[in-house]
Amino acid sequence: MMSFTNQRDAALALLNSDTVLTRKAGSFLGQLAVDQTPLTSKQREWLDTLLDRAMLPPLANGGE
């Protein structure tokens, strides 16, 4: 299975998908798209959840 190699690509895929996002999730993903600061464990968990709900591939281990 393919996976995203960085958080920016994962965030942009979610933002461009047909997935319904909350304002908070959209803001979070927008920040990920422009800020390459490593994710905290909570942020990584949230991103993983959003990707799973959208039926998109996961972020690769170590993906930043």
PDB file of N, CA and C in Angstrom:
ATOM      1  N   MET A   1       0.842  -1.187   0.000  1.00  0.00           N
ATOM      2  CA  MET A   1       0.000   0.000   0.000  1.00  0.00           C
ATOM      3  C   MET A   1       0.884   1.246   0.000  1.00  0.00           C
ATOM      4  N   MET A   2       0.515   2.188  -0.790  1.00  0.00           N
ATOM      5  CA  MET A   2       1.212   3.466  -0.847  1.00  0.00           C
ATOM      6  C   MET A   2       1.026   4.214   0.478  1.00  0.00           C
ATOM      7  N   SER A   3       1.957   5.072   0.803  1.00  0.00           N
ATOM      8  CA  SER A   3       1.788   5.932   1.973  1.00  0.00           C
ATOM      9  C   SER A   3       2.374   7.299   1.654  1.00  0.00           C
ATOM     10  N   PHE A   4       1.917   8.295   2.377  1.00  0.00           N
ATOM     11  CA  PHE A   4       2.447   9.642   2.199  1.00  0.00           C
ATOM     12  C   PHE A   4       3.811   9.721   2.875  1.00  0.00           C
ATOM     13  N   THR A   5       4.754  10.370   2.212  1.00  0.00           N
ATOM     14  CA  THR A   5       6.101  10.461   2.767  1.00  0.00           C
ATOM     15  C   THR A   5       6.304  11.706   3.617  1.00  0.00           C
ATOM     16  N   ASN A   6       5.368  12.653   3.543  1.00  0.00           N
ATOM     17  CA  ASN A   6       5.491  13.835   4.392  1.00  0.00           C
ATOM     18  C   ASN A   6       4.108  14.375   4.747  1.00  0.00           C
ATOM     19  N   GLN A   7       4.069  15.128   5.825  1.00  0.00           N
ATOM     20  CA  GLN A   7       2.796  15.627   6.345  1.00  0.00           C
ATOM     21  C   GLN A   7       2.143  16.627   5.398  1.00  0.00           C
ATOM     22  N   ARG A   8       2.928  17.362   4.636  1.00  0.00           N
ATOM     23  CA  ARG A   8       2.366  18.343   3.708  1.00  0.00           C
ATOM     24  C   ARG A   8       1.523  17.651   2.641  1.00  0.00           C
ATOM     25  N   ASP A   9       2.069  16.600   2.043  1.00  0.00           N
ATOM     26  CA  ASP A   9       1.322  15.875   1.013  1.00  0.00           C
ATOM     27  C   ASP A   9       0.048  15.254   1.578  1.00  0.00           C
ATOM     28  N   ALA A  10       0.144  14.711   2.784  1.00  0.00           N
ATOM     29  CA  ALA A  10      -1.028  14.107   3.422  1.00  0.00           C
ATOM     30  C   ALA A  10      -2.099  15.167   3.691  1.00  0.00           C
ATOM     31  N   ALA A  11      -1.680  16.315   4.212  1.00  0.00           N
ATOM     32  CA  ALA A  11      -2.624  17.393   4.515  1.00  0.00           C
ATOM     33  C   ALA A  11      -3.289  17.909   3.245  1.00  0.00           C
ATOM     34  N   LEU A  12      -2.506  18.124   2.200  1.00  0.00           N
ATOM     35  CA  LEU A  12      -3.072  18.626   0.949  1.00  0.00           C
ATOM     36  C   LEU A  12      -4.036  17.622   0.324  1.00  0.00           C
ATOM     37  N   ALA A  13      -3.722  16.344   0.429  1.00  0.00           N
ATOM     38  CA  ALA A  13      -4.630  15.316  -0.096  1.00  0.00           C
ATOM     39  C   ALA A  13      -5.965  15.364   0.643  1.00  0.00           C
ATOM     40  N   LEU A  14      -5.917  15.529   1.950  1.00  0.00           N
ATOM     41  CA  LEU A  14      -7.154  15.622   2.728  1.00  0.00           C
ATOM     42  C   LEU A  14      -7.940  16.878   2.373  1.00  0.00           C
ATOM     43  N   LEU A  15      -7.247  17.993   2.247  1.00  0.00           N
ATOM     44  CA  LEU A  15      -7.924  19.249   1.917  1.00  0.00           C
ATOM     45  C   LEU A  15      -8.551  19.211   0.528  1.00  0.00           C
ATOM     46  N   ASN A  16      -7.958  18.461  -0.378  1.00  0.00           N
ATOM     47  CA  ASN A  16      -8.470  18.369  -1.746  1.00  0.00           C
ATOM     48  C   ASN A  16      -9.435  17.207  -1.954  1.00  0.00           C
ATOM     49  N   SER A  17      -9.672  16.428  -0.915  1.00  0.00           N
ATOM     50  CA  SER A  17     -10.589  15.295  -1.027  1.00  0.00           C
ATOM     51  C   SER A  17     -12.028  15.765  -0.821  1.00  0.00           C
ATOM     52  N   ASP A  18     -12.950  14.858  -1.007  1.00  0.00           N
ATOM     53  CA  ASP A  18     -14.369  15.157  -0.792  1.00  0.00           C
ATOM     54  C   ASP A  18     -14.780  14.987   0.667  1.00  0.00           C
ATOM     55  N   THR A  19     -13.818  14.735   1.527  1.00  0.00           N
ATOM     56  CA  THR A  19     -14.090  14.519   2.944  1.00  0.00           C
ATOM     57  C   THR A  19     -14.622  15.792   3.590  1.00  0.00           C
ATOM     58  N   VAL A  20     -15.666  15.650   4.384  1.00  0.00           N
ATOM     59  CA  VAL A  20     -16.202  16.786   5.134  1.00  0.00           C
ATOM     60  C   VAL A  20     -15.322  16.974   6.370  1.00  0.00           C
ATOM     61  N   LEU A  21     -14.783  18.170   6.503  1.00  0.00           N
ATOM     62  CA  LEU A  21     -13.884  18.478   7.615  1.00  0.00           C
ATOM     63  C   LEU A  21     -14.489  19.568   8.489  1.00  0.00           C
ATOM     64  N   THR A  22     -14.192  19.506   9.762  1.00  0.00           N
ATOM     65  CA  THR A  22     -14.585  20.591  10.657  1.00  0.00           C
ATOM     66  C   THR A  22     -13.653  21.777  10.418  1.00  0.00           C
ATOM     67  N   ARG A  23     -14.058  22.920  10.903  1.00  0.00           N
ATOM     68  CA  ARG A  23     -13.206  24.108  10.792  1.00  0.00           C
ATOM     69  C   ARG A  23     -11.868  23.861  11.496  1.00  0.00           C
ATOM     70  N   LYS A  24     -11.929  23.214  12.636  1.00  0.00           N
ATOM     71  CA  LYS A  24     -10.714  22.929  13.402  1.00  0.00           C
ATOM     72  C   LYS A  24      -9.788  21.993  12.620  1.00  0.00           C
ATOM     73  N   ALA A  25     -10.354  20.962  12.003  1.00  0.00           N
ATOM     74  CA  ALA A  25      -9.545  20.031  11.211  1.00  0.00           C
ATOM     75  C   ALA A  25      -8.953  20.738   9.997  1.00  0.00           C
ATOM     76  N   GLY A  26      -9.739  21.585   9.350  1.00  0.00           N
ATOM     77  CA  GLY A  26      -9.240  22.330   8.199  1.00  0.00           C
ATOM     78  C   GLY A  26      -8.097  23.253   8.575  1.00  0.00           C
ATOM     79  N   SER A  27      -8.222  23.898   9.711  1.00  0.00           N
ATOM     80  CA  SER A  27      -7.163  24.779  10.197  1.00  0.00           C
ATOM     81  C   SER A  27      -5.893  23.982  10.505  1.00  0.00           C
ATOM     82  N   PHE A  28      -6.067  22.852  11.150  1.00  0.00           N
ATOM     83  CA  PHE A  28      -4.944  21.965  11.466  1.00  0.00           C
ATOM     84  C   PHE A  28      -4.233  21.531  10.189  1.00  0.00           C
ATOM     85  N   LEU A  29      -4.996  21.102   9.200  1.00  0.00           N
ATOM     86  CA  LEU A  29      -4.399  20.634   7.950  1.00  0.00           C
ATOM     87  C   LEU A  29      -3.729  21.773   7.192  1.00  0.00           C
ATOM     88  N   GLY A  30      -4.319  22.952   7.233  1.00  0.00           N
ATOM     89  CA  GLY A  30      -3.693  24.111   6.602  1.00  0.00           C
ATOM     90  C   GLY A  30      -2.346  24.425   7.225  1.00  0.00           C
ATOM     91  N   GLN A  31      -2.282  24.320   8.531  1.00  0.00           N
ATOM     92  CA  GLN A  31      -1.010  24.551   9.221  1.00  0.00           C
ATOM     93  C   GLN A  31       0.024  23.504   8.822  1.00  0.00           C
ATOM     94  N   LEU A  32      -0.403  22.248   8.716  1.00  0.00           N
ATOM     95  CA  LEU A  32       0.527  21.186   8.314  1.00  0.00           C
ATOM     96  C   LEU A  32       1.057  21.408   6.902  1.00  0.00           C
ATOM     97  N   ALA A  33       0.227  21.999   6.061  1.00  0.00           N
ATOM     98  CA  ALA A  33       0.626  22.218   4.668  1.00  0.00           C
ATOM     99  C   ALA A  33       1.735  23.262   4.542  1.00  0.00           C
ATOM    100  N   VAL A  34       1.821  24.174   5.494  1.00  0.00           N
ATOM    101  CA  VAL A  34       2.816  25.247   5.380  1.00  0.00           C
ATOM    102  C   VAL A  34       3.933  25.174   6.417  1.00  0.00           C
ATOM    103  N   ASP A  35       3.742  24.417   7.469  1.00  0.00           N
ATOM    104  CA  ASP A  35       4.727  24.355   8.554  1.00  0.00           C
ATOM    105  C   ASP A  35       5.259  22.928   8.668  1.00  0.00           C
ATOM    106  N   GLN A  36       6.517  22.751   8.386  1.00  0.00           N
ATOM    107  CA  GLN A  36       7.108  21.414   8.395  1.00  0.00           C
ATOM    108  C   GLN A  36       7.696  21.018   9.752  1.00  0.00           C
ATOM    109  N   THR A  37       7.276  21.713  10.808  1.00  0.00           N
ATOM    110  CA  THR A  37       7.700  21.341  12.155  1.00  0.00           C
ATOM    111  C   THR A  37       7.242  19.910  12.432  1.00  0.00           C
ATOM    112  N   PRO A  38       8.098  19.078  13.014  1.00  0.00           N
ATOM    113  CA  PRO A  38       7.683  17.701  13.304  1.00  0.00           C
ATOM    114  C   PRO A  38       6.405  17.648  14.145  1.00  0.00           C
ATOM    115  N   LEU A  39       5.583  16.654  13.859  1.00  0.00           N
ATOM    116  CA  LEU A  39       4.321  16.486  14.569  1.00  0.00           C
ATOM    117  C   LEU A  39       4.539  15.953  15.977  1.00  0.00           C
ATOM    118  N   THR A  40       3.699  16.410  16.892  1.00  0.00           N
ATOM    119  CA  THR A  40       3.672  15.793  18.215  1.00  0.00           C
ATOM    120  C   THR A  40       2.937  14.460  18.073  1.00  0.00           C
ATOM    121  N   SER A  41       2.982  13.645  19.089  1.00  0.00           N
ATOM    122  CA  SER A  41       2.285  12.354  19.018  1.00  0.00           C
ATOM    123  C   SER A  41       0.775  12.553  18.878  1.00  0.00           C
ATOM    124  N   LYS A  42       0.218  13.558  19.538  1.00  0.00           N
ATOM    125  CA  LYS A  42      -1.222  13.842  19.430  1.00  0.00           C
ATOM    126  C   LYS A  42      -1.581  14.312  18.020  1.00  0.00           C
ATOM    127  N   GLN A  43      -0.747  15.178  17.447  1.00  0.00           N
ATOM    128  CA  GLN A  43      -0.997  15.647  16.085  1.00  0.00           C
ATOM    129  C   GLN A  43      -0.907  14.494  15.093  1.00  0.00           C
ATOM    130  N   ARG A  44       0.075  13.638  15.278  1.00  0.00           N
ATOM    131  CA  ARG A  44       0.236  12.484  14.392  1.00  0.00           C
ATOM    132  C   ARG A  44      -0.989  11.575  14.483  1.00  0.00           C
ATOM    133  N   GLU A  45      -1.470  11.361  15.689  1.00  0.00           N
ATOM    134  CA  GLU A  45      -2.653  10.527  15.902  1.00  0.00           C
ATOM    135  C   GLU A  45      -3.871  11.125  15.196  1.00  0.00           C
ATOM    136  N   TRP A  46      -4.036  12.437  15.299  1.00  0.00           N
ATOM    137  CA  TRP A  46      -5.169  13.111  14.661  1.00  0.00           C
ATOM    138  C   TRP A  46      -5.057  13.014  13.139  1.00  0.00           C
ATOM    139  N   LEU A  47      -3.864  13.252  12.610  1.00  0.00           N
ATOM    140  CA  LEU A  47      -3.662  13.145  11.167  1.00  0.00           C
ATOM    141  C   LEU A  47      -3.954  11.720  10.698  1.00  0.00           C
ATOM    142  N   ASP A  48      -3.466  10.737  11.429  1.00  0.00           N
ATOM    143  CA  ASP A  48      -3.732   9.339  11.077  1.00  0.00           C
ATOM    144  C   ASP A  48      -5.234   9.050  11.061  1.00  0.00           C
ATOM    145  N   THR A  49      -5.956   9.584  12.035  1.00  0.00           N
ATOM    146  CA  THR A  49      -7.406   9.386  12.108  1.00  0.00           C
ATOM    147  C   THR A  49      -8.102  10.029  10.912  1.00  0.00           C
ATOM    148  N   LEU A  50      -7.713  11.255  10.580  1.00  0.00           N
ATOM    149  CA  LEU A  50      -8.323  11.942   9.441  1.00  0.00           C
ATOM    150  C   LEU A  50      -8.053  11.196   8.135  1.00  0.00           C
ATOM    151  N   LEU A  51      -6.835  10.721   7.953  1.00  0.00           N
ATOM    152  CA  LEU A  51      -6.494   9.967   6.744  1.00  0.00           C
ATOM    153  C   LEU A  51      -7.305   8.678   6.665  1.00  0.00           C
ATOM    154  N   ASP A  52      -7.430   7.999   7.783  1.00  0.00           N
ATOM    155  CA  ASP A  52      -8.184   6.746   7.818  1.00  0.00           C
ATOM    156  C   ASP A  52      -9.658   6.984   7.483  1.00  0.00           C
ATOM    157  N   ARG A  53     -10.251   8.001   8.074  1.00  0.00           N
ATOM    158  CA  ARG A  53     -11.663   8.314   7.813  1.00  0.00           C
ATOM    159  C   ARG A  53     -11.905   8.666   6.350  1.00  0.00           C
ATOM    160  N   ALA A  54     -10.916   9.291   5.722  1.00  0.00           N
ATOM    161  CA  ALA A  54     -11.038   9.681   4.317  1.00  0.00           C
ATOM    162  C   ALA A  54     -10.651   8.535   3.379  1.00  0.00           C
ATOM    163  N   MET A  55     -10.281   7.401   3.973  1.00  0.00           N
ATOM    164  CA  MET A  55      -9.850   6.230   3.208  1.00  0.00           C
ATOM    165  C   MET A  55      -8.649   6.563   2.317  1.00  0.00           C
ATOM    166  N   LEU A  56      -7.743   7.359   2.874  1.00  0.00           N
ATOM    167  CA  LEU A  56      -6.498   7.706   2.199  1.00  0.00           C
ATOM    168  C   LEU A  56      -5.366   6.917   2.844  1.00  0.00           C
ATOM    169  N   PRO A  57      -4.265   6.740   2.125  1.00  0.00           N
ATOM    170  CA  PRO A  57      -3.144   5.992   2.705  1.00  0.00           C
ATOM    171  C   PRO A  57      -2.552   6.718   3.912  1.00  0.00           C
ATOM    172  N   PRO A  58      -1.881   5.987   4.769  1.00  0.00           N
ATOM    173  CA  PRO A  58      -1.307   6.584   5.977  1.00  0.00           C
ATOM    174  C   PRO A  58      -0.041   7.382   5.679  1.00  0.00           C
ATOM    175  N   LEU A  59       0.384   8.123   6.670  1.00  0.00           N
ATOM    176  CA  LEU A  59       1.676   8.792   6.633  1.00  0.00           C
ATOM    177  C   LEU A  59       2.723   7.740   6.970  1.00  0.00           C
ATOM    178  N   ALA A  60       3.779   7.677   6.175  1.00  0.00           N
ATOM    179  CA  ALA A  60       4.830   6.688   6.412  1.00  0.00           C
ATOM    180  C   ALA A  60       5.466   6.914   7.775  1.00  0.00           C
ATOM    181  N   ASN A  61       5.940   5.861   8.381  1.00  0.00           N
ATOM    182  CA  ASN A  61       6.656   6.001   9.649  1.00  0.00           C
ATOM    183  C   ASN A  61       7.843   6.917   9.428  1.00  0.00           C
ATOM    184  N   GLY A  62       7.989   7.866  10.303  1.00  0.00           N
ATOM    185  CA  GLY A  62       9.067   8.829  10.158  1.00  0.00           C
ATOM    186  C   GLY A  62       8.724   9.968   9.220  1.00  0.00           C
ATOM    187  N   GLY A  63       7.528   9.933   8.608  1.00  0.00           N
ATOM    188  CA  GLY A  63       7.127  11.024   7.719  1.00  0.00           C
ATOM    189  C   GLY A  63       6.999  12.314   8.496  1.00  0.00           C
ATOM    190  N   GLU A  64       7.515  13.375   7.929  1.00  0.00           N
ATOM    191  CA  GLU A  64       7.468  14.668   8.617  1.00  0.00           C
ATOM    192  C   GLU A  64       6.727  15.662   7.779  1.00  0.00           C
TER     193      GLU A  64
END
